[in-house]
Amino acid sequence: MISLSYGQMPTKAEFRRAFADAHDGATETDFPMELVGADAEVATEAINQGIDSHLEAVSFTQFPGRHGKLGINVQGADSLHTFVRRLSEMHGDGNDEAGDLASGILTTLDIEWV
């Protein structure tokens, strides 16, 4: 378990290790999510930034979620790190929903914000 202050991002190396641990050693596997409401809105905003000031983009595919949910597969550890970093930045700008989604994703990787 990695514990970080709320809003603090793990390093890419820490993130890749946590992702691999959660995915049987793989770092290039998809991370599927089905989102609704505020989570779907902040995810769409984070993805639609394109290439950002870190010269990174979120690679993803979209799929039809069940019951009208937004279904996305973020492709690999590095893209998921970028996605979570963007959510963290949005949280830093006052978007609590973005922080909640980032925290939830990190929890699945055995990383906690305290």
PDB file of N, CA and C in Angstrom:
ATOM      1  N   MET A   1       0.858  -1.184   0.000  1.00  0.00           N
ATOM      2  CA  MET A   1       0.000   0.000   0.000  1.00  0.00           C
ATOM      3  C   MET A   1       0.898   1.238   0.000  1.00  0.00           C
ATOM      4  N   ILE A   2       0.599   2.152  -0.883  1.00  0.00           N
ATOM      5  CA  ILE A   2       1.271   3.449  -0.920  1.00  0.00           C
ATOM      6  C   ILE A   2       0.300   4.469  -0.343  1.00  0.00           C
ATOM      7  N   SER A   3       0.745   5.258   0.627  1.00  0.00           N
ATOM      8  CA  SER A   3      -0.087   6.318   1.211  1.00  0.00           C
ATOM      9  C   SER A   3       0.517   7.668   0.864  1.00  0.00           C
ATOM     10  N   LEU A   4      -0.312   8.543   0.327  1.00  0.00           N
ATOM     11  CA  LEU A   4       0.118   9.883  -0.075  1.00  0.00           C
ATOM     12  C   LEU A   4      -0.869  10.907   0.468  1.00  0.00           C
ATOM     13  N   SER A   5      -0.428  12.130   0.601  1.00  0.00           N
ATOM     14  CA  SER A   5      -1.344  13.211   0.966  1.00  0.00           C
ATOM     15  C   SER A   5      -2.398  13.343  -0.120  1.00  0.00           C
ATOM     16  N   TYR A   6      -3.623  13.707   0.291  1.00  0.00           N
ATOM     17  CA  TYR A   6      -4.726  13.821  -0.661  1.00  0.00           C
ATOM     18  C   TYR A   6      -4.338  14.802  -1.766  1.00  0.00           C
ATOM     19  N   GLY A   7      -4.429  14.355  -3.008  1.00  0.00           N
ATOM     20  CA  GLY A   7      -4.108  15.175  -4.161  1.00  0.00           C
ATOM     21  C   GLY A   7      -2.690  14.986  -4.671  1.00  0.00           C
ATOM     22  N   GLN A   8      -1.828  14.338  -3.901  1.00  0.00           N
ATOM     23  CA  GLN A   8      -0.443  14.122  -4.326  1.00  0.00           C
ATOM     24  C   GLN A   8      -0.376  12.924  -5.261  1.00  0.00           C
ATOM     25  N   MET A   9       0.310  13.092  -6.362  1.00  0.00           N
ATOM     26  CA  MET A   9       0.442  12.008  -7.328  1.00  0.00           C
ATOM     27  C   MET A   9       1.642  11.132  -7.006  1.00  0.00           C
ATOM     28  N   PRO A  10       1.475   9.816  -7.181  1.00  0.00           N
ATOM     29  CA  PRO A  10       2.647   8.948  -7.092  1.00  0.00           C
ATOM     30  C   PRO A  10       3.553   9.201  -8.296  1.00  0.00           C
ATOM     31  N   THR A  11       4.829   8.876  -8.160  1.00  0.00           N
ATOM     32  CA  THR A  11       5.717   8.992  -9.320  1.00  0.00           C
ATOM     33  C   THR A  11       5.242   8.017 -10.388  1.00  0.00           C
ATOM     34  N   LYS A  12       5.693   8.230 -11.612  1.00  0.00           N
ATOM     35  CA  LYS A  12       5.318   7.296 -12.676  1.00  0.00           C
ATOM     36  C   LYS A  12       5.816   5.894 -12.368  1.00  0.00           C
ATOM     37  N   ALA A  13       7.006   5.778 -11.787  1.00  0.00           N
ATOM     38  CA  ALA A  13       7.551   4.464 -11.456  1.00  0.00           C
ATOM     39  C   ALA A  13       6.689   3.774 -10.396  1.00  0.00           C
ATOM     40  N   GLU A  14       6.300   4.499  -9.355  1.00  0.00           N
ATOM     41  CA  GLU A  14       5.426   3.934  -8.317  1.00  0.00           C
ATOM     42  C   GLU A  14       4.095   3.511  -8.923  1.00  0.00           C
ATOM     43  N   PHE A  15       3.554   4.363  -9.785  1.00  0.00           N
ATOM     44  CA  PHE A  15       2.259   4.095 -10.405  1.00  0.00           C
ATOM     45  C   PHE A  15       2.343   2.843 -11.277  1.00  0.00           C
ATOM     46  N   ARG A  16       3.407   2.754 -12.094  1.00  0.00           N
ATOM     47  CA  ARG A  16       3.574   1.590 -12.973  1.00  0.00           C
ATOM     48  C   ARG A  16       3.680   0.301 -12.155  1.00  0.00           C
ATOM     49  N   ARG A  17       4.425   0.338 -11.035  1.00  0.00           N
ATOM     50  CA  ARG A  17       4.541  -0.849 -10.177  1.00  0.00           C
ATOM     51  C   ARG A  17       3.183  -1.231  -9.592  1.00  0.00           C
ATOM     52  N   ALA A  18       2.440  -0.234  -9.104  1.00  0.00           N
ATOM     53  CA  ALA A  18       1.118  -0.508  -8.522  1.00  0.00           C
ATOM     54  C   ALA A  18       0.172  -1.058  -9.584  1.00  0.00           C
ATOM     55  N   PHE A  19       0.201  -0.487 -10.784  1.00  0.00           N
ATOM     56  CA  PHE A  19      -0.634  -0.959 -11.888  1.00  0.00           C
ATOM     57  C   PHE A  19      -0.277  -2.401 -12.224  1.00  0.00           C
ATOM     58  N   ALA A  20       1.016  -2.684 -12.345  1.00  0.00           N
ATOM     59  CA  ALA A  20       1.463  -4.037 -12.678  1.00  0.00           C
ATOM     60  C   ALA A  20       1.052  -5.023 -11.589  1.00  0.00           C
ATOM     61  N   ASP A  21       1.189  -4.626 -10.330  1.00  0.00           N
ATOM     62  CA  ASP A  21       0.784  -5.505  -9.227  1.00  0.00           C
ATOM     63  C   ASP A  21      -0.703  -5.837  -9.291  1.00  0.00           C
ATOM     64  N   ALA A  22      -1.505  -4.884  -9.710  1.00  0.00           N
ATOM     65  CA  ALA A  22      -2.956  -5.083  -9.787  1.00  0.00           C
ATOM     66  C   ALA A  22      -3.386  -5.826 -11.051  1.00  0.00           C
ATOM     67  N   HIS A  23      -2.463  -5.953 -12.027  1.00  0.00           N
ATOM     68  CA  HIS A  23      -2.817  -6.561 -13.315  1.00  0.00           C
ATOM     69  C   HIS A  23      -1.857  -7.691 -13.688  1.00  0.00           C
ATOM     70  N   ASP A  24      -1.507  -8.520 -12.728  1.00  0.00           N
ATOM     71  CA  ASP A  24      -0.667  -9.703 -12.972  1.00  0.00           C
ATOM     72  C   ASP A  24       0.618  -9.372 -13.729  1.00  0.00           C
ATOM     73  N   GLY A  25       1.236  -8.253 -13.395  1.00  0.00           N
ATOM     74  CA  GLY A  25       2.507  -7.876 -13.992  1.00  0.00           C
ATOM     75  C   GLY A  25       2.407  -7.062 -15.264  1.00  0.00           C
ATOM     76  N   ALA A  26       1.217  -6.921 -15.820  1.00  0.00           N
ATOM     77  CA  ALA A  26       1.052  -6.195 -17.083  1.00  0.00           C
ATOM     78  C   ALA A  26       0.945  -4.695 -16.841  1.00  0.00           C
ATOM     79  N   THR A  27       1.580  -3.917 -17.699  1.00  0.00           N
ATOM     80  CA  THR A  27       1.448  -2.460 -17.631  1.00  0.00           C
ATOM     81  C   THR A  27       0.771  -1.882 -18.865  1.00  0.00           C
ATOM     82  N   GLU A  28       0.495  -2.734 -19.843  1.00  0.00           N
ATOM     83  CA  GLU A  28      -0.122  -2.242 -21.081  1.00  0.00           C
ATOM     84  C   GLU A  28      -1.553  -2.720 -21.261  1.00  0.00           C
ATOM     85  N   THR A  29      -2.158  -3.253 -20.218  1.00  0.00           N
ATOM     86  CA  THR A  29      -3.530  -3.721 -20.308  1.00  0.00           C
ATOM     87  C   THR A  29      -4.504  -2.557 -20.126  1.00  0.00           C
ATOM     88  N   ASP A  30      -5.718  -2.713 -20.615  1.00  0.00           N
ATOM     89  CA  ASP A  30      -6.737  -1.668 -20.471  1.00  0.00           C
ATOM     90  C   ASP A  30      -7.225  -1.585 -19.032  1.00  0.00           C
ATOM     91  N   PHE A  31      -7.672  -0.395 -18.658  1.00  0.00           N
ATOM     92  CA  PHE A  31      -8.302  -0.153 -17.362  1.00  0.00           C
ATOM     93  C   PHE A  31      -9.728   0.291 -17.655  1.00  0.00           C
ATOM     94  N   PRO A  32     -10.698  -0.653 -17.642  1.00  0.00           N
ATOM     95  CA  PRO A  32     -12.072  -0.310 -18.017  1.00  0.00           C
ATOM     96  C   PRO A  32     -12.831   0.356 -16.872  1.00  0.00           C
ATOM     97  N   MET A  33     -13.673   1.307 -17.233  1.00  0.00           N
ATOM     98  CA  MET A  33     -14.536   1.991 -16.269  1.00  0.00           C
ATOM     99  C   MET A  33     -15.892   2.224 -16.911  1.00  0.00           C
ATOM    100  N   GLU A  34     -16.938   2.154 -16.113  1.00  0.00           N
ATOM    101  CA  GLU A  34     -18.271   2.575 -16.520  1.00  0.00           C
ATOM    102  C   GLU A  34     -18.683   3.679 -15.560  1.00  0.00           C
ATOM    103  N   LEU A  35     -18.929   4.858 -16.107  1.00  0.00           N
ATOM    104  CA  LEU A  35     -19.138   6.043 -15.282  1.00  0.00           C
ATOM    105  C   LEU A  35     -20.483   6.706 -15.579  1.00  0.00           C
ATOM    106  N   VAL A  36     -21.039   7.345 -14.561  1.00  0.00           N
ATOM    107  CA  VAL A  36     -22.287   8.097 -14.713  1.00  0.00           C
ATOM    108  C   VAL A  36     -22.134   9.450 -14.022  1.00  0.00           C
ATOM    109  N   GLY A  37     -23.040  10.347 -14.330  1.00  0.00           N
ATOM    110  CA  GLY A  37     -23.140  11.628 -13.628  1.00  0.00           C
ATOM    111  C   GLY A  37     -21.866  12.430 -13.635  1.00  0.00           C
ATOM    112  N   ALA A  38     -21.503  12.961 -12.456  1.00  0.00           N
ATOM    113  CA  ALA A  38     -20.335  13.833 -12.329  1.00  0.00           C
ATOM    114  C   ALA A  38     -19.056  13.101 -12.709  1.00  0.00           C
ATOM    115  N   ASP A  39     -18.963  11.800 -12.406  1.00  0.00           N
ATOM    116  CA  ASP A  39     -17.765  11.048 -12.779  1.00  0.00           C
ATOM    117  C   ASP A  39     -17.586  11.025 -14.297  1.00  0.00           C
ATOM    118  N   ALA A  40     -18.664  10.795 -15.024  1.00  0.00           N
ATOM    119  CA  ALA A  40     -18.595  10.784 -16.489  1.00  0.00           C
ATOM    120  C   ALA A  40     -18.209  12.160 -17.024  1.00  0.00           C
ATOM    121  N   GLU A  41     -18.737  13.210 -16.397  1.00  0.00           N
ATOM    122  CA  GLU A  41     -18.421  14.570 -16.846  1.00  0.00           C
ATOM    123  C   GLU A  41     -16.960  14.912 -16.630  1.00  0.00           C
ATOM    124  N   VAL A  42     -16.406  14.631 -15.452  1.00  0.00           N
ATOM    125  CA  VAL A  42     -15.007  14.979 -15.199  1.00  0.00           C
ATOM    126  C   VAL A  42     -14.067  14.085 -16.001  1.00  0.00           C
ATOM    127  N   ALA A  43     -14.448  12.820 -16.224  1.00  0.00           N
ATOM    128  CA  ALA A  43     -13.625  11.941 -17.051  1.00  0.00           C
ATOM    129  C   ALA A  43     -13.557  12.474 -18.477  1.00  0.00           C
ATOM    130  N   THR A  44     -14.691  12.890 -19.016  1.00  0.00           N
ATOM    131  CA  THR A  44     -14.731  13.444 -20.371  1.00  0.00           C
ATOM    132  C   THR A  44     -13.874  14.695 -20.464  1.00  0.00           C
ATOM    133  N   GLU A  45     -13.955  15.557 -19.469  1.00  0.00           N
ATOM    134  CA  GLU A  45     -13.149  16.781 -19.460  1.00  0.00           C
ATOM    135  C   GLU A  45     -11.654  16.452 -19.410  1.00  0.00           C
ATOM    136  N   ALA A  46     -11.278  15.497 -18.580  1.00  0.00           N
ATOM    137  CA  ALA A  46      -9.861  15.122 -18.462  1.00  0.00           C
ATOM    138  C   ALA A  46      -9.340  14.514 -19.757  1.00  0.00           C
ATOM    139  N   ILE A  47     -10.140  13.678 -20.390  1.00  0.00           N
ATOM    140  CA  ILE A  47      -9.718  13.030 -21.635  1.00  0.00           C
ATOM    141  C   ILE A  47      -9.639  14.035 -22.779  1.00  0.00           C
ATOM    142  N   ASN A  48     -10.596  14.953 -22.847  1.00  0.00           N
ATOM    143  CA  ASN A  48     -10.680  15.874 -23.978  1.00  0.00           C
ATOM    144  C   ASN A  48      -9.638  16.981 -23.974  1.00  0.00           C
ATOM    145  N   GLN A  49      -8.732  16.998 -23.007  1.00  0.00           N
ATOM    146  CA  GLN A  49      -7.670  18.007 -23.004  1.00  0.00           C
ATOM    147  C   GLN A  49      -6.674  17.779 -24.134  1.00  0.00           C
ATOM    148  N   GLY A  50      -6.648  16.600 -24.726  1.00  0.00           N
ATOM    149  CA  GLY A  50      -5.683  16.311 -25.778  1.00  0.00           C
ATOM    150  C   GLY A  50      -4.282  16.257 -25.192  1.00  0.00           C
ATOM    151  N   ILE A  51      -3.314  16.727 -25.949  1.00  0.00           N
ATOM    152  CA  ILE A  51      -1.942  16.770 -25.457  1.00  0.00           C
ATOM    153  C   ILE A  51      -1.818  17.984 -24.550  1.00  0.00           C
ATOM    154  N   ASP A  52      -1.326  17.757 -23.329  1.00  0.00           N
ATOM    155  CA  ASP A  52      -1.284  18.825 -22.336  1.00  0.00           C
ATOM    156  C   ASP A  52       0.125  19.410 -22.185  1.00  0.00           C
ATOM    157  N   SER A  53       0.297  20.249 -21.186  1.00  0.00           N
ATOM    158  CA  SER A  53       1.575  20.929 -20.983  1.00  0.00           C
ATOM    159  C   SER A  53       2.702  19.956 -20.629  1.00  0.00           C
ATOM    160  N   HIS A  54       2.359  18.737 -20.223  1.00  0.00           N
ATOM    161  CA  HIS A  54       3.362  17.704 -19.964  1.00  0.00           C
ATOM    162  C   HIS A  54       3.669  16.912 -21.241  1.00  0.00           C
ATOM    163  N   LEU A  55       3.065  17.339 -22.358  1.00  0.00           N
ATOM    164  CA  LEU A  55       3.188  16.662 -23.652  1.00  0.00           C
ATOM    165  C   LEU A  55       2.712  15.220 -23.578  1.00  0.00           C
ATOM    166  N   GLU A  56       1.633  15.018 -22.828  1.00  0.00           N
ATOM    167  CA  GLU A  56       1.052  13.697 -22.668  1.00  0.00           C
ATOM    168  C   GLU A  56      -0.432  13.746 -23.038  1.00  0.00           C
ATOM    169  N   ALA A  57      -0.916  12.619 -23.528  1.00  0.00           N
ATOM    170  CA  ALA A  57      -2.337  12.475 -23.838  1.00  0.00           C
ATOM    171  C   ALA A  57      -2.837  11.189 -23.190  1.00  0.00           C
ATOM    172  N   VAL A  58      -4.152  11.075 -23.075  1.00  0.00           N
ATOM    173  CA  VAL A  58      -4.773   9.864 -22.543  1.00  0.00           C
ATOM    174  C   VAL A  58      -5.214   9.014 -23.726  1.00  0.00           C
ATOM    175  N   SER A  59      -4.637   7.820 -23.852  1.00  0.00           N
ATOM    176  CA  SER A  59      -5.063   6.877 -24.890  1.00  0.00           C
ATOM    177  C   SER A  59      -6.215   6.059 -24.318  1.00  0.00           C
ATOM    178  N   PHE A  60      -7.306   5.989 -25.071  1.00  0.00           N
ATOM    179  CA  PHE A  60      -8.483   5.286 -24.574  1.00  0.00           C
ATOM    180  C   PHE A  60      -9.338   4.825 -25.735  1.00  0.00           C
ATOM    181  N   THR A  61     -10.213   3.897 -25.444  1.00  0.00           N
ATOM    182  CA  THR A  61     -11.285   3.537 -26.353  1.00  0.00           C
ATOM    183  C   THR A  61     -12.579   3.666 -25.576  1.00  0.00           C
ATOM    184  N   GLN A  62     -13.635   3.908 -26.310  1.00  0.00           N
ATOM    185  CA  GLN A  62     -14.948   4.039 -25.676  1.00  0.00           C
ATOM    186  C   GLN A  62     -15.775   2.813 -26.041  1.00  0.00           C
ATOM    187  N   PHE A  63     -16.592   2.360 -25.095  1.00  0.00           N
ATOM    188  CA  PHE A  63     -17.492   1.244 -25.358  1.00  0.00           C
ATOM    189  C   PHE A  63     -18.865   1.585 -24.783  1.00  0.00           C
ATOM    190  N   PRO A  64     -19.917   0.938 -25.288  1.00  0.00           N
ATOM    191  CA  PRO A  64     -21.256   1.216 -24.749  1.00  0.00           C
ATOM    192  C   PRO A  64     -21.382   0.645 -23.340  1.00  0.00           C
ATOM    193  N   GLY A  65     -21.497   1.520 -22.379  1.00  0.00           N
ATOM    194  CA  GLY A  65     -21.679   1.084 -20.997  1.00  0.00           C
ATOM    195  C   GLY A  65     -23.091   0.568 -20.776  1.00  0.00           C
ATOM    196  N   ARG A  66     -23.248  -0.197 -19.733  1.00  0.00           N
ATOM    197  CA  ARG A  66     -24.567  -0.729 -19.399  1.00  0.00           C
ATOM    198  C   ARG A  66     -25.451   0.370 -18.824  1.00  0.00           C
ATOM    199  N   HIS A  67     -26.710   0.325 -19.156  1.00  0.00           N
ATOM    200  CA  HIS A  67     -27.726   1.224 -18.594  1.00  0.00           C
ATOM    201  C   HIS A  67     -27.376   2.701 -18.800  1.00  0.00           C
ATOM    202  N   GLY A  68     -26.829   3.033 -19.972  1.00  0.00           N
ATOM    203  CA  GLY A  68     -26.554   4.428 -20.302  1.00  0.00           C
ATOM    204  C   GLY A  68     -25.281   4.990 -19.695  1.00  0.00           C
ATOM    205  N   LYS A  69     -24.438   4.142 -19.117  1.00  0.00           N
ATOM    206  CA  LYS A  69     -23.193   4.623 -18.530  1.00  0.00           C
ATOM    207  C   LYS A  69     -22.171   4.906 -19.622  1.00  0.00           C
ATOM    208  N   LEU A  70     -21.226   5.801 -19.329  1.00  0.00           N
ATOM    209  CA  LEU A  70     -20.098   6.061 -20.215  1.00  0.00           C
ATOM    210  C   LEU A  70     -19.062   4.971 -19.975  1.00  0.00           C
ATOM    211  N   GLY A  71     -18.758   4.207 -20.989  1.00  0.00           N
ATOM    212  CA  GLY A  71     -17.757   3.154 -20.866  1.00  0.00           C
ATOM    213  C   GLY A  71     -16.457   3.577 -21.518  1.00  0.00           C
ATOM    214  N   ILE A  72     -15.365   3.545 -20.760  1.00  0.00           N
ATOM    215  CA  ILE A  72     -14.049   3.871 -21.331  1.00  0.00           C
ATOM    216  C   ILE A  72     -13.024   2.847 -20.861  1.00  0.00           C
ATOM    217  N   ASN A  73     -12.100   2.542 -21.749  1.00  0.00           N
ATOM    218  CA  ASN A  73     -10.923   1.732 -21.442  1.00  0.00           C
ATOM    219  C   ASN A  73      -9.714   2.651 -21.579  1.00  0.00           C
ATOM    220  N   VAL A  74      -9.090   3.001 -20.479  1.00  0.00           N
ATOM    221  CA  VAL A  74      -7.845   3.757 -20.550  1.00  0.00           C
ATOM    222  C   VAL A  74      -6.753   2.735 -20.827  1.00  0.00           C
ATOM    223  N   GLN A  75      -5.919   3.027 -21.815  1.00  0.00           N
ATOM    224  CA  GLN A  75      -4.997   2.033 -22.342  1.00  0.00           C
ATOM    225  C   GLN A  75      -3.614   2.119 -21.701  1.00  0.00           C
ATOM    226  N   GLY A  76      -3.396   1.286 -20.709  1.00  0.00           N
ATOM    227  CA  GLY A  76      -2.087   1.130 -20.106  1.00  0.00           C
ATOM    228  C   GLY A  76      -1.819   2.034 -18.920  1.00  0.00           C
ATOM    229  N   ALA A  77      -0.754   1.691 -18.196  1.00  0.00           N
ATOM    230  CA  ALA A  77      -0.394   2.392 -16.963  1.00  0.00           C
ATOM    231  C   ALA A  77      -0.048   3.848 -17.204  1.00  0.00           C
ATOM    232  N   ASP A  78       0.694   4.137 -18.273  1.00  0.00           N
ATOM    233  CA  ASP A  78       1.116   5.523 -18.502  1.00  0.00           C
ATOM    234  C   ASP A  78      -0.074   6.424 -18.820  1.00  0.00           C
ATOM    235  N   SER A  79      -1.007   5.931 -19.629  1.00  0.00           N
ATOM    236  CA  SER A  79      -2.206   6.730 -19.928  1.00  0.00           C
ATOM    237  C   SER A  79      -3.064   6.913 -18.688  1.00  0.00           C
ATOM    238  N   LEU A  80      -3.174   5.858 -17.875  1.00  0.00           N
ATOM    239  CA  LEU A  80      -3.963   5.985 -16.653  1.00  0.00           C
ATOM    240  C   LEU A  80      -3.302   6.974 -15.693  1.00  0.00           C
ATOM    241  N   HIS A  81      -1.979   6.972 -15.627  1.00  0.00           N
ATOM    242  CA  HIS A  81      -1.263   7.945 -14.789  1.00  0.00           C
ATOM    243  C   HIS A  81      -1.585   9.362 -15.263  1.00  0.00           C
ATOM    244  N   THR A  82      -1.547   9.595 -16.563  1.00  0.00           N
ATOM    245  CA  THR A  82      -1.880  10.913 -17.113  1.00  0.00           C
ATOM    246  C   THR A  82      -3.318  11.284 -16.769  1.00  0.00           C
ATOM    247  N   PHE A  83      -4.236  10.340 -16.924  1.00  0.00           N
ATOM    248  CA  PHE A  83      -5.646  10.575 -16.620  1.00  0.00           C
ATOM    249  C   PHE A  83      -5.832  10.962 -15.157  1.00  0.00           C
ATOM    250  N   VAL A  84      -5.219  10.201 -14.244  1.00  0.00           N
ATOM    251  CA  VAL A  84      -5.350  10.489 -12.816  1.00  0.00           C
ATOM    252  C   VAL A  84      -4.670  11.816 -12.475  1.00  0.00           C
ATOM    253  N   ARG A  85      -3.529  12.099 -13.097  1.00  0.00           N
ATOM    254  CA  ARG A  85      -2.854  13.384 -12.860  1.00  0.00           C
ATOM    255  C   ARG A  85      -3.756  14.542 -13.255  1.00  0.00           C
ATOM    256  N   ARG A  86      -4.418  14.413 -14.388  1.00  0.00           N
ATOM    257  CA  ARG A  86      -5.328  15.474 -14.825  1.00  0.00           C
ATOM    258  C   ARG A  86      -6.492  15.642 -13.849  1.00  0.00           C
ATOM    259  N   LEU A  87      -7.030  14.526 -13.376  1.00  0.00           N
ATOM    260  CA  LEU A  87      -8.100  14.606 -12.375  1.00  0.00           C
ATOM    261  C   LEU A  87      -7.594  15.289 -11.112  1.00  0.00           C
ATOM    262  N   SER A  88      -6.379  14.960 -10.707  1.00  0.00           N
ATOM    263  CA  SER A  88      -5.779  15.582  -9.524  1.00  0.00           C
ATOM    264  C   SER A  88      -5.613  17.091  -9.718  1.00  0.00           C
ATOM    265  N   GLU A  89      -5.185  17.493 -10.902  1.00  0.00           N
ATOM    266  CA  GLU A  89      -5.044  18.924 -11.209  1.00  0.00           C
ATOM    267  C   GLU A  89      -6.403  19.614 -11.181  1.00  0.00           C
ATOM    268  N   MET A  90      -7.419  18.948 -11.710  1.00  0.00           N
ATOM    269  CA  MET A  90      -8.768  19.515 -11.685  1.00  0.00           C
ATOM    270  C   MET A  90      -9.243  19.664 -10.238  1.00  0.00           C
ATOM    271  N   HIS A  91      -8.914  18.668  -9.392  1.00  0.00           N
ATOM    272  CA  HIS A  91      -9.249  18.757  -7.973  1.00  0.00           C
ATOM    273  C   HIS A  91      -8.549  19.956  -7.343  1.00  0.00           C
ATOM    274  N   GLY A  92      -7.294  20.163  -7.699  1.00  0.00           N
ATOM    275  CA  GLY A  92      -6.538  21.310  -7.190  1.00  0.00           C
ATOM    276  C   GLY A  92      -7.158  22.639  -7.586  1.00  0.00           C
ATOM    277  N   ASP A  93      -7.908  22.626  -8.691  1.00  0.00           N
ATOM    278  CA  ASP A  93      -8.624  23.833  -9.152  1.00  0.00           C
ATOM    279  C   ASP A  93     -10.024  23.920  -8.558  1.00  0.00           C
ATOM    280  N   GLY A  94     -10.333  23.042  -7.588  1.00  0.00           N
ATOM    281  CA  GLY A  94     -11.608  23.135  -6.885  1.00  0.00           C
ATOM    282  C   GLY A  94     -12.673  22.145  -7.298  1.00  0.00           C
ATOM    283  N   ASN A  95     -12.348  21.190  -8.162  1.00  0.00           N
ATOM    284  CA  ASN A  95     -13.340  20.221  -8.625  1.00  0.00           C
ATOM    285  C   ASN A  95     -13.282  18.974  -7.734  1.00  0.00           C
ATOM    286  N   ASP A  96     -14.138  18.934  -6.724  1.00  0.00           N
ATOM    287  CA  ASP A  96     -14.143  17.819  -5.774  1.00  0.00           C
ATOM    288  C   ASP A  96     -14.486  16.485  -6.435  1.00  0.00           C
ATOM    289  N   GLU A  97     -15.372  16.506  -7.447  1.00  0.00           N
ATOM    290  CA  GLU A  97     -15.741  15.263  -8.123  1.00  0.00           C
ATOM    291  C   GLU A  97     -14.526  14.643  -8.805  1.00  0.00           C
ATOM    292  N   ALA A  98     -13.662  15.472  -9.381  1.00  0.00           N
ATOM    293  CA  ALA A  98     -12.446  14.966 -10.023  1.00  0.00           C
ATOM    294  C   ALA A  98     -11.541  14.304  -8.987  1.00  0.00           C
ATOM    295  N   GLY A  99     -11.428  14.914  -7.817  1.00  0.00           N
ATOM    296  CA  GLY A  99     -10.630  14.328  -6.748  1.00  0.00           C
ATOM    297  C   GLY A  99     -11.199  13.010  -6.276  1.00  0.00           C
ATOM    298  N   ASP A 100     -12.516  12.933  -6.171  1.00  0.00           N
ATOM    299  CA  ASP A 100     -13.154  11.685  -5.748  1.00  0.00           C
ATOM    300  C   ASP A 100     -12.902  10.559  -6.747  1.00  0.00           C
ATOM    301  N   LEU A 101     -13.014  10.869  -8.046  1.00  0.00           N
ATOM    302  CA  LEU A 101     -12.780   9.849  -9.065  1.00  0.00           C
ATOM    303  C   LEU A 101     -11.315   9.413  -9.051  1.00  0.00           C
ATOM    304  N   ALA A 102     -10.393  10.367  -8.966  1.00  0.00           N
ATOM    305  CA  ALA A 102      -8.975  10.019  -8.905  1.00  0.00           C
ATOM    306  C   ALA A 102      -8.682   9.134  -7.697  1.00  0.00           C
ATOM    307  N   SER A 103      -9.237   9.488  -6.548  1.00  0.00           N
ATOM    308  CA  SER A 103      -9.028   8.710  -5.331  1.00  0.00           C
ATOM    309  C   SER A 103      -9.566   7.289  -5.492  1.00  0.00           C
ATOM    310  N   GLY A 104     -10.724   7.163  -6.105  1.00  0.00           N
ATOM    311  CA  GLY A 104     -11.307   5.842  -6.330  1.00  0.00           C
ATOM    312  C   GLY A 104     -10.452   4.981  -7.241  1.00  0.00           C
ATOM    313  N   ILE A 105      -9.918   5.571  -8.301  1.00  0.00           N
ATOM    314  CA  ILE A 105      -9.046   4.825  -9.215  1.00  0.00           C
ATOM    315  C   ILE A 105      -7.782   4.388  -8.486  1.00  0.00           C
ATOM    316  N   LEU A 106      -7.170   5.316  -7.749  1.00  0.00           N
ATOM    317  CA  LEU A 106      -5.945   4.982  -7.021  1.00  0.00           C
ATOM    318  C   LEU A 106      -6.185   3.858  -6.016  1.00  0.00           C
ATOM    319  N   THR A 107      -7.335   3.864  -5.368  1.00  0.00           N
ATOM    320  CA  THR A 107      -7.651   2.829  -4.388  1.00  0.00           C
ATOM    321  C   THR A 107      -7.633   1.441  -5.028  1.00  0.00           C
ATOM    322  N   THR A 108      -8.103   1.333  -6.271  1.00  0.00           N
ATOM    323  CA  THR A 108      -8.093   0.032  -6.955  1.00  0.00           C
ATOM    324  C   THR A 108      -6.674  -0.451  -7.211  1.00  0.00           C
ATOM    325  N   LEU A 109      -5.703   0.473  -7.172  1.00  0.00           N
ATOM    326  CA  LEU A 109      -4.300   0.126  -7.395  1.00  0.00           C
ATOM    327  C   LEU A 109      -3.529   0.022  -6.079  1.00  0.00           C
ATOM    328  N   ASP A 110      -4.258   0.044  -4.967  1.00  0.00           N
ATOM    329  CA  ASP A 110      -3.657  -0.049  -3.636  1.00  0.00           C
ATOM    330  C   ASP A 110      -2.797   1.186  -3.316  1.00  0.00           C
ATOM    331  N   ILE A 111      -3.256   2.335  -3.808  1.00  0.00           N
ATOM    332  CA  ILE A 111      -2.655   3.631  -3.488  1.00  0.00           C
ATOM    333  C   ILE A 111      -3.742   4.431  -2.798  1.00  0.00           C
ATOM    334  N   GLU A 112      -3.440   4.989  -1.644  1.00  0.00           N
ATOM    335  CA  GLU A 112      -4.469   5.748  -0.945  1.00  0.00           C
ATOM    336  C   GLU A 112      -4.038   7.182  -0.735  1.00  0.00           C
ATOM    337  N   TRP A 113      -5.032   8.065  -0.840  1.00  0.00           N
ATOM    338  CA  TRP A 113      -4.842   9.464  -0.491  1.00  0.00           C
ATOM    339  C   TRP A 113      -5.393   9.630   0.910  1.00  0.00           C
ATOM    340  N   VAL A 114      -4.575  10.167   1.814  1.00  0.00           N
ATOM    341  CA  VAL A 114      -5.009  10.377   3.187  1.00  0.00           C
ATOM    342  C   VAL A 114      -4.912  11.847   3.550  1.00  0.00           C
TER     343      VAL A 114
END
